[in-house]
Amino acid sequence: MGGDPLRITVLGSATPYPRPGNPCSGYLVEGGGVRVWVDAGSGALGELQRYAGLGEVDAVWISHLHADHSADLLTAYYGLLYADIRRDAPLPLYGPPGTADRLAGFLTNGPERSPVEAAFAVEELYDGHEVRIGGLGLRSRAVEHGGMPAFGLRIEDGEGRRIAYSGDCEPCPALTELACECELFVCEADGEGPGHHSAGQAGCTATEAGVGRLVVTHVGPGTEPAAAVERAAGTFAGEVAYAAPGRVFAVTRRSRTPERTTPSPASSR
């Protein structure tokens, strides 16, 4: 399993609501013999099925409980319990504290609580949470997103290839640590302000972390993707791309570059 390629497919990257041809945040990570659905924003479930059905996904990981990152868990619940999907056990779901009760609050329509746990095996995230799914290791860190529980993610396969994902957050040491020396860093660029990165700040975090490639995602509606890439490239010297829906980013092992130095936060922001 460790020899499988590590890759991430963009299911959607729109914010704060889906656009024609672009659902809200959702990604499919494949490697180590498994598939992990990362974030389940509005419309992401439909796009997921271009690549894998719910019966073929090994786990779901949710960064935070805003609807543009988690709303399609509601329709996934119905699919898992009442449609043509067959699984031997509930689908593992890793999400912020309160995930199961939040889902039940939406799904319950009578005096009895909806059986969320019959569809999902929910495990709550905490700062430093680690889990192994097949040949992939997942590590989560608490990040800054306006005071609500929110997490960034680092995924590593058996060959040492690494992907980091910001979720939604402002620049913070925990995210820089997660992304440190990763081959690929997927970072939101919703706009400068509390709880978010601007595109330029995404480039700064990528530089501080010493990543190989930067993918800007969750670009705010007031910024064109090409402009976000250009602004991120102004603060990051490596390759920068935009998380266009349907795009696949393969991760290859890179050699450490001895001459590269990682600037301090004060020198890069």
Protein backbone atom coordinates (compact mmCIF):
# COMPACT_ATOMS: atom_id res chain seq x y z
CA MET A 1 0.00 0.00 0.00
CA GLY A 2 2.85 2.40 0.77
CA GLY A 3 3.88 2.44 -2.89
CA ASP A 4 0.58 3.94 -4.09
CA PRO A 5 0.84 7.49 -5.39
CA LEU A 6 -0.32 10.21 -2.98
CA ARG A 7 -2.67 12.70 -4.58
CA ILE A 8 -5.44 15.15 -3.78
CA THR A 9 -8.38 15.89 -6.06
CA VAL A 10 -10.28 19.16 -5.69
CA LEU A 11 -14.02 18.48 -5.48
CA GLY A 12 -14.85 22.12 -4.86
CA SER A 13 -13.29 25.31 -3.53
CA ALA A 14 -16.06 27.95 -3.60
CA THR A 15 -16.92 30.21 -0.69
CA PRO A 16 -19.24 30.98 1.00
CA TYR A 17 -21.75 29.17 -1.24
CA PRO A 18 -21.43 26.88 -4.27
CA ARG A 19 -21.15 28.38 -7.75
CA PRO A 20 -22.00 26.80 -11.10
CA GLY A 21 -19.37 24.12 -11.65
CA ASN A 22 -17.71 24.73 -8.29
CA PRO A 23 -19.05 23.27 -5.03
CA CYS A 24 -17.89 24.49 -1.64
CA SER A 25 -14.81 23.05 0.03
CA GLY A 26 -14.19 19.36 -0.58
CA TYR A 27 -11.17 17.23 -1.45
CA LEU A 28 -10.43 13.56 -2.03
CA VAL A 29 -7.06 12.34 -0.79
CA GLU A 30 -5.88 9.00 -2.16
CA GLY A 31 -2.80 7.07 -1.15
CA GLY A 32 -1.61 4.22 1.02
CA GLY A 33 -4.39 2.04 -0.32
CA VAL A 34 -7.19 4.27 1.05
CA ARG A 35 -9.40 7.23 0.19
CA VAL A 36 -10.14 10.07 2.63
CA TRP A 37 -12.84 12.67 1.97
CA VAL A 38 -11.58 15.96 3.42
CA ASP A 39 -14.29 18.56 4.09
CA ALA A 40 -17.85 18.14 2.83
CA GLY A 41 -19.05 21.55 1.74
CA SER A 42 -22.28 22.12 -0.18
CA GLY A 43 -22.20 20.20 -3.45
CA ALA A 44 -19.02 18.25 -2.70
CA LEU A 45 -20.79 14.89 -2.37
CA GLY A 46 -21.98 14.97 -5.97
CA GLU A 47 -18.47 15.66 -7.24
CA LEU A 48 -16.97 13.02 -4.95
CA GLN A 49 -18.94 10.37 -6.84
CA ARG A 50 -17.03 11.14 -10.03
CA TYR A 51 -14.06 9.48 -8.33
CA ALA A 52 -15.37 7.28 -5.51
CA GLY A 53 -18.72 6.36 -3.99
CA LEU A 54 -19.51 6.63 -0.31
CA GLY A 55 -19.12 2.88 -0.10
CA GLU A 56 -15.53 3.22 -1.32
CA VAL A 57 -14.42 6.03 0.99
CA ASP A 58 -12.42 4.88 4.01
CA ALA A 59 -12.90 7.95 6.21
CA VAL A 60 -14.12 11.54 6.32
CA TRP A 61 -12.21 14.40 7.95
CA ILE A 62 -13.91 17.75 8.66
CA SER A 63 -11.96 20.92 9.48
CA HIS A 64 -14.84 22.85 11.12
CA LEU A 65 -18.61 22.97 11.18
CA HIS A 66 -19.39 25.94 8.96
CA ALA A 67 -21.83 24.81 6.26
CA ASP A 68 -19.43 25.46 3.38
CA HIS A 69 -17.19 22.75 4.86
CA SER A 70 -19.67 20.29 6.36
CA ALA A 71 -23.21 20.63 4.93
CA ASP A 72 -23.00 17.58 2.66
CA LEU A 73 -22.61 15.34 5.69
CA LEU A 74 -26.39 15.69 5.96
CA THR A 75 -27.09 14.20 2.54
CA ALA A 76 -24.30 11.67 3.02
CA TYR A 77 -26.17 10.47 6.11
CA TYR A 78 -29.27 9.70 4.04
CA GLY A 79 -27.16 8.01 1.40
CA LEU A 80 -25.42 5.79 3.91
CA LEU A 81 -28.60 4.65 5.66
CA TYR A 82 -31.44 4.76 3.15
CA ALA A 83 -30.09 4.43 -0.38
CA ASP A 84 -28.11 1.94 -2.44
CA ILE A 85 -24.84 2.25 -0.49
CA ARG A 86 -23.70 -0.80 1.42
CA ARG A 87 -21.02 -0.73 4.09
CA ASP A 88 -20.02 -3.31 6.66
CA ALA A 89 -19.75 -0.67 9.39
CA PRO A 90 -20.43 3.05 9.91
CA LEU A 91 -18.14 5.38 7.97
CA PRO A 92 -15.35 6.77 10.20
CA LEU A 93 -15.83 10.51 10.61
CA TYR A 94 -13.22 12.73 12.25
CA GLY A 95 -14.56 16.16 13.11
CA PRO A 96 -14.55 18.98 15.66
CA PRO A 97 -16.14 18.59 19.08
CA GLY A 98 -19.92 18.48 18.82
CA THR A 99 -20.02 17.06 15.29
CA ALA A 100 -22.49 14.24 16.05
CA ASP A 101 -24.88 16.45 18.01
CA ARG A 102 -24.75 19.17 15.35
CA LEU A 103 -25.73 16.63 12.69
CA ALA A 104 -28.47 15.21 14.90
CA GLY A 105 -29.82 18.72 15.45
CA PHE A 106 -30.41 19.08 11.71
CA LEU A 107 -31.52 15.54 11.02
CA THR A 108 -33.92 14.85 13.90
CA ASN A 109 -37.55 15.39 12.87
CA GLY A 110 -39.42 13.85 15.78
CA PRO A 111 -39.13 12.97 19.45
CA GLU A 112 -36.33 10.45 18.86
CA ARG A 113 -32.79 11.56 17.97
CA SER A 114 -31.75 10.59 14.44
CA PRO A 115 -29.32 7.67 14.47
CA VAL A 116 -26.26 9.62 13.38
CA GLU A 117 -23.95 6.96 14.79
CA ALA A 118 -25.54 4.30 12.59
CA ALA A 119 -24.15 6.14 9.56
CA PHE A 120 -20.94 7.61 11.00
CA ALA A 121 -18.43 6.37 13.55
CA VAL A 122 -17.67 9.83 14.93
CA GLU A 123 -14.35 10.57 16.59
CA GLU A 124 -13.81 14.11 17.82
CA LEU A 125 -10.65 15.96 16.91
CA TYR A 126 -8.39 17.72 19.42
CA ASP A 127 -5.11 19.56 19.11
CA GLY A 128 -2.48 16.98 18.20
CA HIS A 129 -5.00 14.27 17.25
CA GLU A 130 -3.39 11.47 15.22
CA VAL A 131 -4.90 8.51 13.43
CA ARG A 132 -3.71 5.94 10.92
CA ILE A 133 -6.02 5.01 8.06
CA GLY A 134 -4.52 2.26 5.95
CA GLY A 135 -1.14 3.50 4.78
CA LEU A 136 -1.85 7.17 5.62
CA GLY A 137 -1.13 9.01 8.84
CA LEU A 138 -3.36 11.99 9.67
CA ARG A 139 -2.35 14.64 12.20
CA SER A 140 -4.64 17.51 13.19
CA ARG A 141 -3.83 20.79 14.92
CA ALA A 142 -6.19 23.37 16.35
CA VAL A 143 -6.02 26.59 14.30
CA GLU A 144 -7.44 30.11 14.64
CA HIS A 145 -10.83 30.61 12.96
CA GLY A 146 -12.75 33.24 14.87
CA GLY A 147 -12.94 31.33 18.14
CA MET A 148 -14.84 28.29 16.87
CA PRO A 149 -13.21 24.83 16.99
CA ALA A 150 -11.24 24.48 13.76
CA PHE A 151 -8.40 22.27 12.61
CA GLY A 152 -5.68 22.03 10.01
CA LEU A 153 -4.49 18.69 8.67
CA ARG A 154 -1.21 17.00 7.74
CA ILE A 155 -1.29 13.74 5.80
CA GLU A 156 1.78 11.55 5.31
CA ASP A 157 2.12 8.26 3.45
CA GLY A 158 4.54 5.38 3.97
CA GLU A 159 7.03 6.90 1.52
CA GLY A 160 7.27 10.10 3.54
CA ARG A 161 5.24 12.21 1.10
CA ARG A 162 3.22 14.92 2.81
CA ILE A 163 0.19 17.14 2.20
CA ALA A 164 -0.91 19.95 4.52
CA TYR A 165 -4.35 21.57 4.47
CA SER A 166 -5.24 24.75 6.31
CA GLY A 167 -8.99 24.38 6.63
CA ASP A 168 -10.15 27.92 7.36
CA CYS A 169 -7.81 29.91 9.60
CA GLU A 170 -5.72 32.99 9.98
CA PRO A 171 -1.91 32.66 10.01
CA CYS A 172 -0.86 30.88 13.20
CA PRO A 173 2.11 28.85 14.49
CA ALA A 174 0.12 25.59 14.57
CA LEU A 175 -0.54 25.75 10.83
CA THR A 176 3.09 26.59 10.05
CA GLU A 177 4.15 23.58 12.11
CA LEU A 178 1.70 21.30 10.32
CA ALA A 179 2.90 22.42 6.90
CA CYS A 180 6.62 22.31 7.75
CA GLU A 181 8.58 20.81 4.82
CA CYS A 182 5.45 19.35 3.19
CA GLU A 183 5.68 18.69 -0.51
CA LEU A 184 2.21 20.19 -1.07
CA PHE A 185 0.37 22.82 0.96
CA VAL A 186 -3.31 23.58 0.25
CA CYS A 187 -4.09 26.90 1.91
CA GLU A 188 -7.25 28.99 1.97
CA ALA A 189 -7.17 32.55 0.65
CA ASP A 190 -10.59 33.91 1.56
CA GLY A 191 -9.24 37.35 2.46
CA GLU A 192 -7.20 39.16 5.06
CA GLY A 193 -9.00 39.51 8.37
CA PRO A 194 -9.80 37.57 11.53
CA GLY A 195 -10.06 33.85 10.90
CA HIS A 196 -8.70 33.78 7.35
CA HIS A 197 -5.60 34.05 5.15
CA SER A 198 -5.27 36.46 2.29
CA ALA A 199 -3.48 35.10 -0.77
CA GLY A 200 -0.36 37.01 0.22
CA GLN A 201 -0.52 35.59 3.73
CA ALA A 202 -0.91 32.08 2.28
CA GLY A 203 2.37 32.68 0.46
CA CYS A 204 4.00 33.88 3.67
CA THR A 205 2.87 30.79 5.60
CA ALA A 206 4.14 28.57 2.77
CA THR A 207 7.51 30.34 2.89
CA GLU A 208 7.79 30.05 6.65
CA ALA A 209 6.94 26.36 6.50
CA GLY A 210 9.40 25.64 3.68
CA VAL A 211 6.87 23.79 1.54
CA GLY A 212 7.47 22.55 -1.98
CA ARG A 213 4.28 23.72 -3.73
CA LEU A 214 1.40 25.95 -2.71
CA VAL A 215 -2.21 25.55 -3.84
CA VAL A 216 -4.50 28.47 -2.97
CA THR A 217 -8.10 27.47 -2.35
CA HIS A 218 -11.33 28.92 -0.91
CA VAL A 219 -10.53 32.17 -2.71
CA GLY A 220 -12.91 34.93 -1.64
CA PRO A 221 -15.59 36.06 -4.12
CA GLY A 222 -13.96 39.48 -4.50
CA THR A 223 -10.74 38.03 -5.91
CA GLU A 224 -10.15 36.31 -9.24
CA PRO A 225 -8.22 33.02 -8.96
CA ALA A 226 -5.44 34.30 -11.22
CA ALA A 227 -5.02 37.36 -9.01
CA ALA A 228 -4.87 35.17 -5.90
CA VAL A 229 -2.13 33.05 -7.48
CA GLU A 230 -0.18 36.18 -8.42
CA ARG A 231 -0.44 37.64 -4.92
CA ALA A 232 0.63 34.37 -3.30
CA ALA A 233 3.58 34.16 -5.69
CA GLY A 234 4.67 37.58 -4.47
CA THR A 235 5.43 36.11 -1.03
CA PHE A 236 6.37 32.54 -1.97
CA ALA A 237 9.14 31.67 -4.40
CA GLY A 238 7.94 28.15 -5.22
CA GLU A 239 5.23 26.91 -7.58
CA VAL A 240 1.75 28.31 -6.90
CA ALA A 241 -1.50 26.95 -8.36
CA TYR A 242 -5.23 27.45 -7.88
CA ALA A 243 -7.54 24.71 -6.56
CA ALA A 244 -9.79 24.57 -9.60
CA PRO A 245 -12.54 21.94 -9.24
CA GLY A 246 -11.50 18.65 -10.80
CA ARG A 247 -7.81 19.41 -10.64
CA VAL A 248 -5.58 16.63 -9.32
CA PHE A 249 -2.31 17.35 -7.53
CA ALA A 250 0.08 14.40 -7.29
CA VAL A 251 2.69 14.49 -4.54
CA THR A 252 6.22 13.36 -5.25
CA ARG A 253 9.04 13.07 -2.73
CA ARG A 254 11.40 16.01 -2.96
CA SER A 255 14.98 16.31 -1.81
CA ARG A 256 15.69 18.70 0.99
CA THR A 257 17.32 21.87 -0.29
CA PRO A 258 20.22 22.68 2.07
CA GLU A 259 20.57 26.26 0.84
CA ARG A 260 16.94 27.10 1.57
CA THR A 261 16.31 28.93 4.81
CA THR A 262 12.99 29.46 6.51
CA PRO A 263 12.46 33.10 7.48
CA SER A 264 11.03 34.06 10.82
CA PRO A 265 7.45 35.29 10.96
CA ALA A 266 8.67 38.82 11.58
CA SER A 267 10.76 38.85 8.44
CA SER A 268 8.10 37.48 6.11
CA ARG A 269 4.94 39.30 7.14
